Amino acid sequence: MELKRLPRARNPKKLRTIFIGYLLIFCIATFLLAALLAASFAILSLNGFILPGYFSETQLSKMKYRISNSETVTPDLIPETCSYAVFTPEGKFLSGDLNPADAAQAWKS
C-alpha cells in the first residue's frame, strides 16, 4: 500500500492584504475614469459640441452694435443660441421667437 501525500495548504491571505488590493484597484479605476471624462470633455469642448456658459453673452456682445443700429431686428442678427423678442415702446410684442407668455414675462423684467 502506497501512502499519498496530501497537497500542502497554501498560506492564507491576510484580510488586510485583500483589502489593500481592492482599494488599490478601486483607486486606479477611479483615476482612469476621471482621466477619461476629462479627456472627453476637452475633446467635445474643442469641437464645439459643448459650449461654455458665457457663449451666448459673448456672441451677443459681438453683435450688439449691428443689432442696435439696424432699422428692424431680424433673426439673422440674433445668435443661434439666443431667444429674442421685439417690442414697441409701449410694450406691444411685435416679433421674435418667444411665445406670448414668455414675451410678456420678458417685458416685465
Protein backbone atom coordinates (compact mmCIF):
# COMPACT_ATOMS: atom_id res chain seq x y z
CA MET A 1 0.00 0.00 0.00
CA GLU A 2 1.30 3.32 -1.03
CA LEU A 3 0.95 6.45 1.04
CA LYS A 4 -0.30 9.52 -0.77
CA ARG A 5 0.79 12.89 0.35
CA LEU A 6 -1.88 15.43 0.87
CA PRO A 7 -1.40 18.68 -1.01
CA ARG A 8 0.19 21.30 1.11
CA ALA A 9 -2.17 24.04 2.15
CA ARG A 10 -1.20 27.47 0.90
CA ASN A 11 -0.66 30.21 3.34
CA PRO A 12 -3.96 32.02 3.66
CA LYS A 13 -4.03 35.64 2.57
CA LYS A 14 -4.50 38.14 5.27
CA LEU A 15 -7.66 40.19 5.20
CA ARG A 16 -5.58 43.34 5.22
CA THR A 17 -3.78 42.26 2.03
CA ILE A 18 -7.08 41.57 0.27
CA PHE A 19 -8.49 44.92 1.39
CA ILE A 20 -5.41 46.85 0.22
CA GLY A 21 -5.57 45.07 -3.15
CA TYR A 22 -9.21 46.04 -3.67
CA LEU A 23 -8.51 49.58 -2.53
CA LEU A 24 -5.64 49.88 -4.99
CA ILE A 25 -7.77 48.59 -7.86
CA PHE A 26 -10.57 50.99 -6.90
CA CYS A 27 -8.20 53.98 -6.82
CA ILE A 28 -6.68 53.11 -10.21
CA ALA A 29 -10.12 52.60 -11.78
CA THR A 30 -11.37 55.90 -10.34
CA PHE A 31 -8.32 57.76 -11.66
CA LEU A 32 -8.73 56.20 -15.13
CA LEU A 33 -12.43 57.10 -15.19
CA ALA A 34 -11.69 60.71 -14.18
CA ALA A 35 -9.00 60.95 -16.87
CA LEU A 36 -11.38 59.54 -19.48
CA LEU A 37 -14.10 62.02 -18.52
CA ALA A 38 -11.69 64.96 -18.56
CA ALA A 39 -10.33 63.96 -21.97
CA SER A 40 -13.86 63.51 -23.34
CA PHE A 41 -14.89 66.92 -22.05
CA ALA A 42 -11.81 68.57 -23.55
CA ILE A 43 -12.34 66.95 -26.95
CA LEU A 44 -16.05 67.82 -27.02
CA SER A 45 -15.30 71.42 -25.99
CA LEU A 46 -12.66 71.85 -28.68
CA ASN A 47 -15.00 70.51 -31.36
CA GLY A 48 -17.90 72.76 -30.31
CA PHE A 49 -20.25 70.06 -29.05
CA ILE A 50 -20.11 71.55 -25.55
CA LEU A 51 -20.33 75.33 -25.27
CA PRO A 52 -19.20 77.37 -22.25
CA GLY A 53 -21.83 79.09 -20.14
CA TYR A 54 -20.85 82.56 -21.35
CA PHE A 55 -21.00 81.64 -25.07
CA SER A 56 -24.32 83.41 -25.80
CA GLU A 57 -23.22 86.51 -23.91
CA THR A 58 -20.03 86.85 -25.94
CA GLN A 59 -21.93 86.28 -29.19
CA LEU A 60 -24.43 88.99 -28.24
CA SER A 61 -21.72 91.45 -27.29
CA LYS A 62 -20.14 90.92 -30.73
CA MET A 63 -23.48 91.60 -32.44
CA LYS A 64 -24.59 94.44 -30.13
CA TYR A 65 -23.55 97.26 -32.47
CA ARG A 66 -25.26 95.73 -35.51
CA ILE A 67 -28.46 94.98 -33.59
CA SER A 68 -28.72 98.45 -32.02
CA ASN A 69 -28.05 100.27 -35.33
CA SER A 70 -30.38 98.25 -37.55
CA GLU A 71 -33.80 99.57 -38.56
CA THR A 72 -35.52 96.24 -37.92
CA VAL A 73 -34.36 93.28 -35.90
CA THR A 74 -34.28 90.13 -37.99
CA PRO A 75 -33.47 86.57 -36.94
CA ASP A 76 -30.15 86.63 -38.84
CA LEU A 77 -28.87 89.33 -36.44
CA ILE A 78 -29.52 87.18 -33.35
CA PRO A 79 -27.06 84.38 -32.46
CA GLU A 80 -28.42 80.84 -32.78
CA THR A 81 -28.26 80.12 -29.06
CA CYS A 82 -30.35 83.16 -28.07
CA SER A 83 -34.06 83.82 -27.98
CA TYR A 84 -35.38 87.30 -28.64
CA ALA A 85 -38.47 89.49 -28.71
CA VAL A 86 -39.07 92.90 -30.30
CA PHE A 87 -41.44 95.29 -28.52
CA THR A 88 -42.89 98.71 -29.20
CA PRO A 89 -42.04 101.42 -26.68
CA GLU A 90 -45.46 100.76 -25.12
CA GLY A 91 -44.67 97.06 -24.63
CA LYS A 92 -46.59 95.51 -27.51
CA PHE A 93 -44.94 92.33 -28.79
CA LEU A 94 -44.01 92.77 -32.47
CA SER A 95 -41.86 89.76 -33.38
CA GLY A 96 -39.43 87.23 -32.04
CA ASP A 97 -39.11 83.58 -31.24
CA LEU A 98 -40.62 83.73 -27.75
CA ASN A 99 -44.14 82.54 -27.08
CA PRO A 100 -46.58 85.22 -25.86
CA ALA A 101 -46.33 84.22 -22.19
CA ASP A 102 -42.52 84.34 -22.21
CA ALA A 103 -42.58 87.62 -24.15
CA ALA A 104 -44.87 89.17 -21.53
CA GLN A 105 -42.53 87.97 -18.77
CA ALA A 106 -39.52 89.40 -20.67
CA TRP A 107 -41.23 92.81 -20.98
CA LYS A 108 -42.00 92.86 -17.24
CA SER A 109 -38.39 92.19 -16.32
